[in-house]
């Protein structure tokens, strides 16, 4: 379980998070929504220990992240897979090398295991194993996103974080990525956190939606509740996305 208590974070005089409380249960699929600058990514960075709160507590699997030692943080982060907004693949490595690097960093040394695991995850994201020999510059946007997802799951994480998983993709490719996220959620039984400003995507991939506004959590409920709530900020998202 992930538990956040009274989380505050400022950068200079700008208060980004203002007393966030949040619990994420094992196996849940949630979407954290909000406009740009509302603290979505800042919130998630606290979960993996990349930021420390000014006030409050962050717990993951009974470890207090904001008080964890460097060794504890290193071990904790091995339980996470992270799909970055723009993919963040290493351009000077081919796809296989991008995938293998994660396993090497997690202590795997057997080349045959690494090779077979790379083939396995590339197929899980619906790509042909021949893609392993290509470089990121040779891939389409949708393919790069799929490779990024393969990299995030290759070490069998307990938690997967998707940062704006459909940003920069056309509507058809975006929907394919949404379907892939759903498929992996069902197959891997991971706890999934998706950061997004796209309500259509959130409705499809998540069972629960969190909405941030001006540093506060203004909504936390099911997809059905999100589609029916009278909260003004959620209503604006519904109107914009035609929901």
C-alpha atoms as a PDB file:
ATOM      1  CA  UNK A   1       0.000   0.000   0.000  1.00  0.00           C
ATOM      2  CA  UNK A   2       1.006   3.591  -0.667  1.00  0.00           C
ATOM      3  CA  UNK A   3      -0.042   6.134   1.949  1.00  0.00           C
ATOM      4  CA  UNK A   4       0.479   9.895   1.815  1.00  0.00           C
ATOM      5  CA  UNK A   5      -0.376  12.022   4.849  1.00  0.00           C
ATOM      6  CA  UNK A   6      -0.722  15.828   4.886  1.00  0.00           C
ATOM      7  CA  UNK A   7       1.862  16.330   2.123  1.00  0.00           C
ATOM      8  CA  UNK A   8       3.111  19.881   1.591  1.00  0.00           C
ATOM      9  CA  UNK A   9       5.716  20.955  -0.967  1.00  0.00           C
ATOM     10  CA  UNK A  10       6.893  24.399  -2.059  1.00  0.00           C
ATOM     11  CA  UNK A  11       9.509  25.610  -4.491  1.00  0.00           C
ATOM     12  CA  UNK A  12      10.587  29.009  -3.259  1.00  0.00           C
ATOM     13  CA  UNK A  13       7.434  30.970  -2.529  1.00  0.00           C
ATOM     14  CA  UNK A  14       5.318  28.801  -4.812  1.00  0.00           C
ATOM     15  CA  UNK A  15       3.266  26.242  -2.892  1.00  0.00           C
ATOM     16  CA  UNK A  16       2.707  23.231  -5.155  1.00  0.00           C
ATOM     17  CA  UNK A  17       1.096  20.730  -2.775  1.00  0.00           C
ATOM     18  CA  UNK A  18      -1.049  21.873   0.139  1.00  0.00           C
ATOM     19  CA  UNK A  19      -1.880  19.072   2.535  1.00  0.00           C
ATOM     20  CA  UNK A  20      -2.485  16.070   0.253  1.00  0.00           C
ATOM     21  CA  UNK A  21      -3.856  12.878   1.815  1.00  0.00           C
ATOM     22  CA  UNK A  22      -3.978   9.789  -0.392  1.00  0.00           C
ATOM     23  CA  UNK A  23      -4.065   6.010  -0.050  1.00  0.00           C
ATOM     24  CA  UNK A  24      -3.466   3.644  -2.967  1.00  0.00           C
ATOM     25  CA  UNK A  25      -4.238   0.002  -2.294  1.00  0.00           C
ATOM     26  CA  UNK A  26      -2.342  -2.928  -3.742  1.00  0.00           C
ATOM     27  CA  UNK A  27      -3.556  -3.790  -7.242  1.00  0.00           C
ATOM     28  CA  UNK A  28      -5.432  -0.521  -7.781  1.00  0.00           C
ATOM     29  CA  UNK A  29      -5.340   1.374 -11.059  1.00  0.00           C
ATOM     30  CA  UNK A  30      -5.710   5.097 -10.459  1.00  0.00           C
ATOM     31  CA  UNK A  31      -5.382   8.214 -12.581  1.00  0.00           C
ATOM     32  CA  UNK A  32      -4.083  11.477 -11.126  1.00  0.00           C
ATOM     33  CA  UNK A  33      -5.548  14.353 -13.106  1.00  0.00           C
ATOM     34  CA  UNK A  34      -5.240  18.115 -13.137  1.00  0.00           C
ATOM     35  CA  UNK A  35      -4.173  21.028 -15.250  1.00  0.00           C
ATOM     36  CA  UNK A  36      -0.508  21.749 -15.949  1.00  0.00           C
ATOM     37  CA  UNK A  37       1.270  22.934 -12.836  1.00  0.00           C
ATOM     38  CA  UNK A  38      -1.182  21.464 -10.349  1.00  0.00           C
ATOM     39  CA  UNK A  39       1.419  19.153  -8.784  1.00  0.00           C
ATOM     40  CA  UNK A  40       0.645  15.781 -10.407  1.00  0.00           C
ATOM     41  CA  UNK A  41       4.254  14.879 -11.188  1.00  0.00           C
ATOM     42  CA  UNK A  42       5.513  16.475  -7.969  1.00  0.00           C
ATOM     43  CA  UNK A  43       3.170  14.233  -5.989  1.00  0.00           C
ATOM     44  CA  UNK A  44       4.393  11.086  -7.712  1.00  0.00           C
ATOM     45  CA  UNK A  45       8.052  12.056  -7.307  1.00  0.00           C
ATOM     46  CA  UNK A  46       7.501  11.994  -3.556  1.00  0.00           C
ATOM     47  CA  UNK A  47       6.264   8.399  -3.796  1.00  0.00           C
ATOM     48  CA  UNK A  48       9.564   7.211  -5.314  1.00  0.00           C
ATOM     49  CA  UNK A  49      11.680   9.439  -3.078  1.00  0.00           C
ATOM     50  CA  UNK A  50      12.896  11.852  -5.733  1.00  0.00           C
ATOM     51  CA  UNK A  51      11.555  14.752  -3.666  1.00  0.00           C
ATOM     52  CA  UNK A  52      11.231  15.229   0.073  1.00  0.00           C
ATOM     53  CA  UNK A  53       8.172  16.960   1.529  1.00  0.00           C
ATOM     54  CA  UNK A  54       8.330  20.173   3.474  1.00  0.00           C
ATOM     55  CA  UNK A  55       5.739  18.639   5.755  1.00  0.00           C
ATOM     56  CA  UNK A  56       3.901  15.322   5.904  1.00  0.00           C
ATOM     57  CA  UNK A  57       4.657  11.626   5.464  1.00  0.00           C
ATOM     58  CA  UNK A  58       5.031   9.247   2.513  1.00  0.00           C
ATOM     59  CA  UNK A  59       4.774   5.480   3.070  1.00  0.00           C
ATOM     60  CA  UNK A  60       5.289   2.627   0.605  1.00  0.00           C
ATOM     61  CA  UNK A  61       5.120  -0.988   1.800  1.00  0.00           C
ATOM     62  CA  UNK A  62       5.547   0.107   5.428  1.00  0.00           C
ATOM     63  CA  UNK A  63       8.692   2.087   4.593  1.00  0.00           C
ATOM     64  CA  UNK A  64       8.590   5.794   5.317  1.00  0.00           C
ATOM     65  CA  UNK A  65      10.022   7.085   2.041  1.00  0.00           C
ATOM     66  CA  UNK A  66      10.813  10.627   3.185  1.00  0.00           C
ATOM     67  CA  UNK A  67      12.947   9.231   6.034  1.00  0.00           C
ATOM     68  CA  UNK A  68      14.472   6.281   4.155  1.00  0.00           C
ATOM     69  CA  UNK A  69      18.215   5.725   3.871  1.00  0.00           C
ATOM     70  CA  UNK A  70      19.876   5.724   0.421  1.00  0.00           C
ATOM     71  CA  UNK A  71      20.021   1.901   0.525  1.00  0.00           C
ATOM     72  CA  UNK A  72      16.343   1.648   1.440  1.00  0.00           C
ATOM     73  CA  UNK A  73      15.443   4.031  -1.391  1.00  0.00           C
ATOM     74  CA  UNK A  74      17.481   2.021  -3.881  1.00  0.00           C
ATOM     75  CA  UNK A  75      15.711  -1.193  -2.885  1.00  0.00           C
ATOM     76  CA  UNK A  76      12.319   0.530  -2.886  1.00  0.00           C
ATOM     77  CA  UNK A  77      12.769   1.953  -6.391  1.00  0.00           C
ATOM     78  CA  UNK A  78      13.400  -1.531  -7.757  1.00  0.00           C
ATOM     79  CA  UNK A  79       9.716  -2.183  -7.088  1.00  0.00           C
ATOM     80  CA  UNK A  80       8.730   0.607  -9.486  1.00  0.00           C
ATOM     81  CA  UNK A  81       8.515   0.797 -13.255  1.00  0.00           C
ATOM     82  CA  UNK A  82       8.318   4.315 -14.693  1.00  0.00           C
ATOM     83  CA  UNK A  83       7.071   5.248 -18.161  1.00  0.00           C
ATOM     84  CA  UNK A  84       8.303   8.763 -18.823  1.00  0.00           C
ATOM     85  CA  UNK A  85       6.230  11.315 -20.698  1.00  0.00           C
ATOM     86  CA  UNK A  86       8.493  11.503 -23.760  1.00  0.00           C
ATOM     87  CA  UNK A  87       9.821   7.960 -23.479  1.00  0.00           C
ATOM     88  CA  UNK A  88      13.328   8.881 -22.256  1.00  0.00           C
ATOM     89  CA  UNK A  89      15.001   6.105 -24.238  1.00  0.00           C
ATOM     90  CA  UNK A  90      18.763   6.338 -24.695  1.00  0.00           C
ATOM     91  CA  UNK A  91      19.270   7.333 -28.345  1.00  0.00           C
ATOM     92  CA  UNK A  92      22.773   5.813 -28.526  1.00  0.00           C
ATOM     93  CA  UNK A  93      21.517   2.375 -27.429  1.00  0.00           C
ATOM     94  CA  UNK A  94      19.333   0.101 -29.525  1.00  0.00           C
ATOM     95  CA  UNK A  95      16.072  -1.222 -28.095  1.00  0.00           C
ATOM     96  CA  UNK A  96      17.657  -4.375 -26.675  1.00  0.00           C
ATOM     97  CA  UNK A  97      20.360  -2.361 -24.921  1.00  0.00           C
ATOM     98  CA  UNK A  98      17.742   0.023 -23.488  1.00  0.00           C
ATOM     99  CA  UNK A  99      15.880  -2.955 -22.038  1.00  0.00           C
ATOM    100  CA  UNK A 100      18.954  -4.864 -20.899  1.00  0.00           C
ATOM    101  CA  UNK A 101      20.268  -1.883 -18.949  1.00  0.00           C
ATOM    102  CA  UNK A 102      17.378  -2.145 -16.480  1.00  0.00           C
ATOM    103  CA  UNK A 103      18.107  -5.786 -15.758  1.00  0.00           C
ATOM    104  CA  UNK A 104      21.834  -5.144 -15.418  1.00  0.00           C
ATOM    105  CA  UNK A 105      21.123  -2.374 -12.909  1.00  0.00           C
ATOM    106  CA  UNK A 106      18.943  -4.858 -11.001  1.00  0.00           C
ATOM    107  CA  UNK A 107      21.810  -7.340 -10.714  1.00  0.00           C
ATOM    108  CA  UNK A 108      20.981  -9.695 -13.582  1.00  0.00           C
ATOM    109  CA  UNK A 109      24.130 -10.933 -15.344  1.00  0.00           C
ATOM    110  CA  UNK A 110      22.976 -13.961 -17.335  1.00  0.00           C
ATOM    111  CA  UNK A 111      22.930 -12.842 -20.982  1.00  0.00           C
ATOM    112  CA  UNK A 112      20.582 -15.632 -22.061  1.00  0.00           C
ATOM    113  CA  UNK A 113      18.054 -14.622 -19.383  1.00  0.00           C
ATOM    114  CA  UNK A 114      18.353 -10.954 -20.349  1.00  0.00           C
ATOM    115  CA  UNK A 115      17.864 -11.780 -24.036  1.00  0.00           C
ATOM    116  CA  UNK A 116      14.845 -14.005 -23.432  1.00  0.00           C
ATOM    117  CA  UNK A 117      13.272 -11.524 -21.031  1.00  0.00           C
ATOM    118  CA  UNK A 118      13.730  -8.713 -23.573  1.00  0.00           C
ATOM    119  CA  UNK A 119      12.011 -10.818 -26.235  1.00  0.00           C
ATOM    120  CA  UNK A 120       9.231 -11.671 -23.803  1.00  0.00           C
ATOM    121  CA  UNK A 121       8.406  -8.076 -22.829  1.00  0.00           C
ATOM    122  CA  UNK A 122       8.700  -6.708 -26.360  1.00  0.00           C
ATOM    123  CA  UNK A 123       6.059  -9.235 -27.394  1.00  0.00           C
ATOM    124  CA  UNK A 124       3.929  -8.291 -24.387  1.00  0.00           C
ATOM    125  CA  UNK A 125       3.694  -4.750 -25.770  1.00  0.00           C
ATOM    126  CA  UNK A 126       2.705  -6.132 -29.188  1.00  0.00           C
ATOM    127  CA  UNK A 127       5.992  -5.510 -31.019  1.00  0.00           C
ATOM    128  CA  UNK A 128       8.022  -7.929 -33.119  1.00  0.00           C
ATOM    129  CA  UNK A 129      11.335  -9.057 -31.628  1.00  0.00           C
ATOM    130  CA  UNK A 130      13.118  -7.623 -34.681  1.00  0.00           C
ATOM    131  CA  UNK A 131      12.503  -4.212 -33.076  1.00  0.00           C
ATOM    132  CA  UNK A 132      15.205  -5.108 -30.530  1.00  0.00           C
ATOM    133  CA  UNK A 133      17.881  -4.295 -33.122  1.00  0.00           C
ATOM    134  CA  UNK A 134      16.493  -0.850 -33.954  1.00  0.00           C
ATOM    135  CA  UNK A 135      17.442   2.485 -32.420  1.00  0.00           C
ATOM    136  CA  UNK A 136      14.885   4.922 -30.952  1.00  0.00           C
ATOM    137  CA  UNK A 137      15.309   7.252 -33.946  1.00  0.00           C
ATOM    138  CA  UNK A 138      14.068   4.430 -36.193  1.00  0.00           C
ATOM    139  CA  UNK A 139      10.806   4.007 -34.255  1.00  0.00           C
ATOM    140  CA  UNK A 140       7.477   5.791 -34.577  1.00  0.00           C
ATOM    141  CA  UNK A 141       6.091   7.672 -31.578  1.00  0.00           C
ATOM    142  CA  UNK A 142       3.753   4.821 -30.732  1.00  0.00           C
ATOM    143  CA  UNK A 143       6.551   2.261 -30.973  1.00  0.00           C
ATOM    144  CA  UNK A 144       8.809   4.325 -28.717  1.00  0.00           C
ATOM    145  CA  UNK A 145       6.017   4.479 -26.153  1.00  0.00           C
ATOM    146  CA  UNK A 146       5.594   0.703 -26.307  1.00  0.00           C
ATOM    147  CA  UNK A 147       9.339   0.187 -25.843  1.00  0.00           C
ATOM    148  CA  UNK A 148       9.219   2.538 -22.853  1.00  0.00           C
ATOM    149  CA  UNK A 149       6.446   0.423 -21.362  1.00  0.00           C
ATOM    150  CA  UNK A 150       8.433  -2.757 -22.043  1.00  0.00           C
ATOM    151  CA  UNK A 151      11.393  -1.217 -20.235  1.00  0.00           C
ATOM    152  CA  UNK A 152       9.176  -0.327 -17.270  1.00  0.00           C
ATOM    153  CA  UNK A 153       7.885  -3.889 -16.823  1.00  0.00           C
ATOM    154  CA  UNK A 154      10.999  -5.912 -17.669  1.00  0.00           C
ATOM    155  CA  UNK A 155      12.092  -6.271 -14.019  1.00  0.00           C
ATOM    156  CA  UNK A 156       8.624  -7.345 -12.787  1.00  0.00           C
ATOM    157  CA  UNK A 157       7.820  -4.259 -10.687  1.00  0.00           C
ATOM    158  CA  UNK A 158       5.017  -4.136  -8.121  1.00  0.00           C
ATOM    159  CA  UNK A 159       4.125  -0.588  -9.158  1.00  0.00           C
ATOM    160  CA  UNK A 160       3.994   1.052 -12.582  1.00  0.00           C
ATOM    161  CA  UNK A 161       3.833   4.816 -13.031  1.00  0.00           C
ATOM    162  CA  UNK A 162       2.723   6.210 -16.389  1.00  0.00           C
ATOM    163  CA  UNK A 163       3.535   9.909 -16.860  1.00  0.00           C
ATOM    164  CA  UNK A 164       1.155  11.304 -19.515  1.00  0.00           C
ATOM    165  CA  UNK A 165       1.176   7.997 -21.447  1.00  0.00           C
ATOM    166  CA  UNK A 166      -0.654   9.340 -24.533  1.00  0.00           C
ATOM    167  CA  UNK A 167       0.941  12.801 -24.841  1.00  0.00           C
ATOM    168  CA  UNK A 168       2.108  13.573 -28.374  1.00  0.00           C
ATOM    169  CA  UNK A 169       0.289  10.616 -29.927  1.00  0.00           C
ATOM    170  CA  UNK A 170      -2.534  10.726 -32.451  1.00  0.00           C
ATOM    171  CA  UNK A 171      -6.000   9.618 -31.221  1.00  0.00           C
ATOM    172  CA  UNK A 172      -5.820   6.151 -32.768  1.00  0.00           C
ATOM    173  CA  UNK A 173      -2.357   5.417 -31.360  1.00  0.00           C
ATOM    174  CA  UNK A 174      -3.410   6.898 -28.011  1.00  0.00           C
ATOM    175  CA  UNK A 175      -6.299   4.458 -27.832  1.00  0.00           C
ATOM    176  CA  UNK A 176      -3.988   1.550 -28.662  1.00  0.00           C
ATOM    177  CA  UNK A 177      -1.683   2.588 -25.812  1.00  0.00           C
ATOM    178  CA  UNK A 178      -4.684   2.800 -23.473  1.00  0.00           C
ATOM    179  CA  UNK A 179      -5.708  -0.721 -24.490  1.00  0.00           C
ATOM    180  CA  UNK A 180      -2.153  -1.923 -23.856  1.00  0.00           C
ATOM    181  CA  UNK A 181      -2.140  -0.396 -20.370  1.00  0.00           C
ATOM    182  CA  UNK A 182      -5.422  -2.162 -19.587  1.00  0.00           C
ATOM    183  CA  UNK A 183      -4.060  -5.456 -20.884  1.00  0.00           C
ATOM    184  CA  UNK A 184      -0.895  -5.202 -18.792  1.00  0.00           C
ATOM    185  CA  UNK A 185      -2.881  -4.230 -15.695  1.00  0.00           C
ATOM    186  CA  UNK A 186      -4.945  -7.394 -16.075  1.00  0.00           C
ATOM    187  CA  UNK A 187      -1.984  -9.650 -16.836  1.00  0.00           C
ATOM    188  CA  UNK A 188       0.600  -8.344 -14.377  1.00  0.00           C
ATOM    189  CA  UNK A 189      -1.710  -7.424 -11.469  1.00  0.00           C
ATOM    190  CA  UNK A 190       0.450  -4.424 -10.635  1.00  0.00           C
ATOM    191  CA  UNK A 191      -0.556  -1.279  -8.805  1.00  0.00           C
ATOM    192  CA  UNK A 192      -0.829   1.350 -11.543  1.00  0.00           C
ATOM    193  CA  UNK A 193      -0.613   5.120 -11.237  1.00  0.00           C
ATOM    194  CA  UNK A 194      -1.263   7.167 -14.369  1.00  0.00           C
ATOM    195  CA  UNK A 195      -0.592  10.909 -14.506  1.00  0.00           C
ATOM    196  CA  UNK A 196      -2.767  12.521 -17.152  1.00  0.00           C
ATOM    197  CA  UNK A 197      -4.751  15.584 -18.145  1.00  0.00           C
ATOM    198  CA  UNK A 198      -6.800  13.518 -20.622  1.00  0.00           C
ATOM    199  CA  UNK A 199     -10.133  12.577 -19.052  1.00  0.00           C
ATOM    200  CA  UNK A 200     -10.977  10.140 -21.864  1.00  0.00           C
ATOM    201  CA  UNK A 201      -7.773   8.237 -21.198  1.00  0.00           C
ATOM    202  CA  UNK A 202      -8.308   8.323 -17.422  1.00  0.00           C
ATOM    203  CA  UNK A 203     -11.833   6.922 -17.773  1.00  0.00           C
ATOM    204  CA  UNK A 204     -10.545   4.062 -19.888  1.00  0.00           C
ATOM    205  CA  UNK A 205      -7.440   2.967 -17.992  1.00  0.00           C
ATOM    206  CA  UNK A 206      -8.312   3.689 -14.357  1.00  0.00           C
ATOM    207  CA  UNK A 207     -10.874   2.524 -11.828  1.00  0.00           C
ATOM    208  CA  UNK A 208     -10.377   5.554  -9.619  1.00  0.00           C
ATOM    209  CA  UNK A 209      -9.668   9.190 -10.433  1.00  0.00           C
ATOM    210  CA  UNK A 210      -7.863  11.763  -8.308  1.00  0.00           C
ATOM    211  CA  UNK A 211      -8.176  15.430  -9.322  1.00  0.00           C
ATOM    212  CA  UNK A 212      -5.741  18.091  -8.153  1.00  0.00           C
ATOM    213  CA  UNK A 213      -6.425  21.817  -8.320  1.00  0.00           C
ATOM    214  CA  UNK A 214      -4.217  24.614  -6.988  1.00  0.00           C
ATOM    215  CA  UNK A 215      -2.274  22.144  -4.852  1.00  0.00           C
ATOM    216  CA  UNK A 216      -5.331  20.535  -3.255  1.00  0.00           C
ATOM    217  CA  UNK A 217      -7.040  17.207  -3.839  1.00  0.00           C
ATOM    218  CA  UNK A 218     -10.515  18.310  -4.888  1.00  0.00           C
ATOM    219  CA  UNK A 219     -11.891  14.952  -6.034  1.00  0.00           C
ATOM    220  CA  UNK A 220     -11.200  11.302  -5.243  1.00  0.00           C
ATOM    221  CA  UNK A 221     -13.648   8.714  -6.496  1.00  0.00           C
ATOM    222  CA  UNK A 222     -14.685   6.119  -9.028  1.00  0.00           C
ATOM    223  CA  UNK A 223     -14.983   6.758 -12.749  1.00  0.00           C
ATOM    224  CA  UNK A 224     -18.771   6.790 -12.411  1.00  0.00           C
ATOM    225  CA  UNK A 225     -18.556   9.371  -9.639  1.00  0.00           C
ATOM    226  CA  UNK A 226     -16.176  11.483 -11.745  1.00  0.00           C
ATOM    227  CA  UNK A 227     -18.695  11.515 -14.581  1.00  0.00           C
ATOM    228  CA  UNK A 228     -21.478  12.686 -12.276  1.00  0.00           C
ATOM    229  CA  UNK A 229     -19.872  14.929  -9.665  1.00  0.00           C
ATOM    230  CA  UNK A 230     -20.869  18.597  -9.422  1.00  0.00           C
ATOM    231  CA  UNK A 231     -17.299  19.699  -8.613  1.00  0.00           C
ATOM    232  CA  UNK A 232     -16.638  22.554 -11.011  1.00  0.00           C
ATOM    233  CA  UNK A 233     -13.107  21.574 -12.042  1.00  0.00           C
ATOM    234  CA  UNK A 234     -14.199  18.059 -12.991  1.00  0.00           C
ATOM    235  CA  UNK A 235     -17.195  19.475 -14.822  1.00  0.00           C
ATOM    236  CA  UNK A 236     -14.844  21.628 -16.899  1.00  0.00           C
ATOM    237  CA  UNK A 237     -12.805  18.543 -17.832  1.00  0.00           C
ATOM    238  CA  UNK A 238     -15.998  16.710 -18.803  1.00  0.00           C
ATOM    239  CA  UNK A 239     -17.123  19.591 -20.997  1.00  0.00           C
ATOM    240  CA  UNK A 240     -13.744  19.903 -22.703  1.00  0.00           C
ATOM    241  CA  UNK A 241     -13.504  16.196 -23.457  1.00  0.00           C
ATOM    242  CA  UNK A 242     -17.176  15.793 -24.305  1.00  0.00           C
ATOM    243  CA  UNK A 243     -17.925  13.378 -21.481  1.00  0.00           C
END
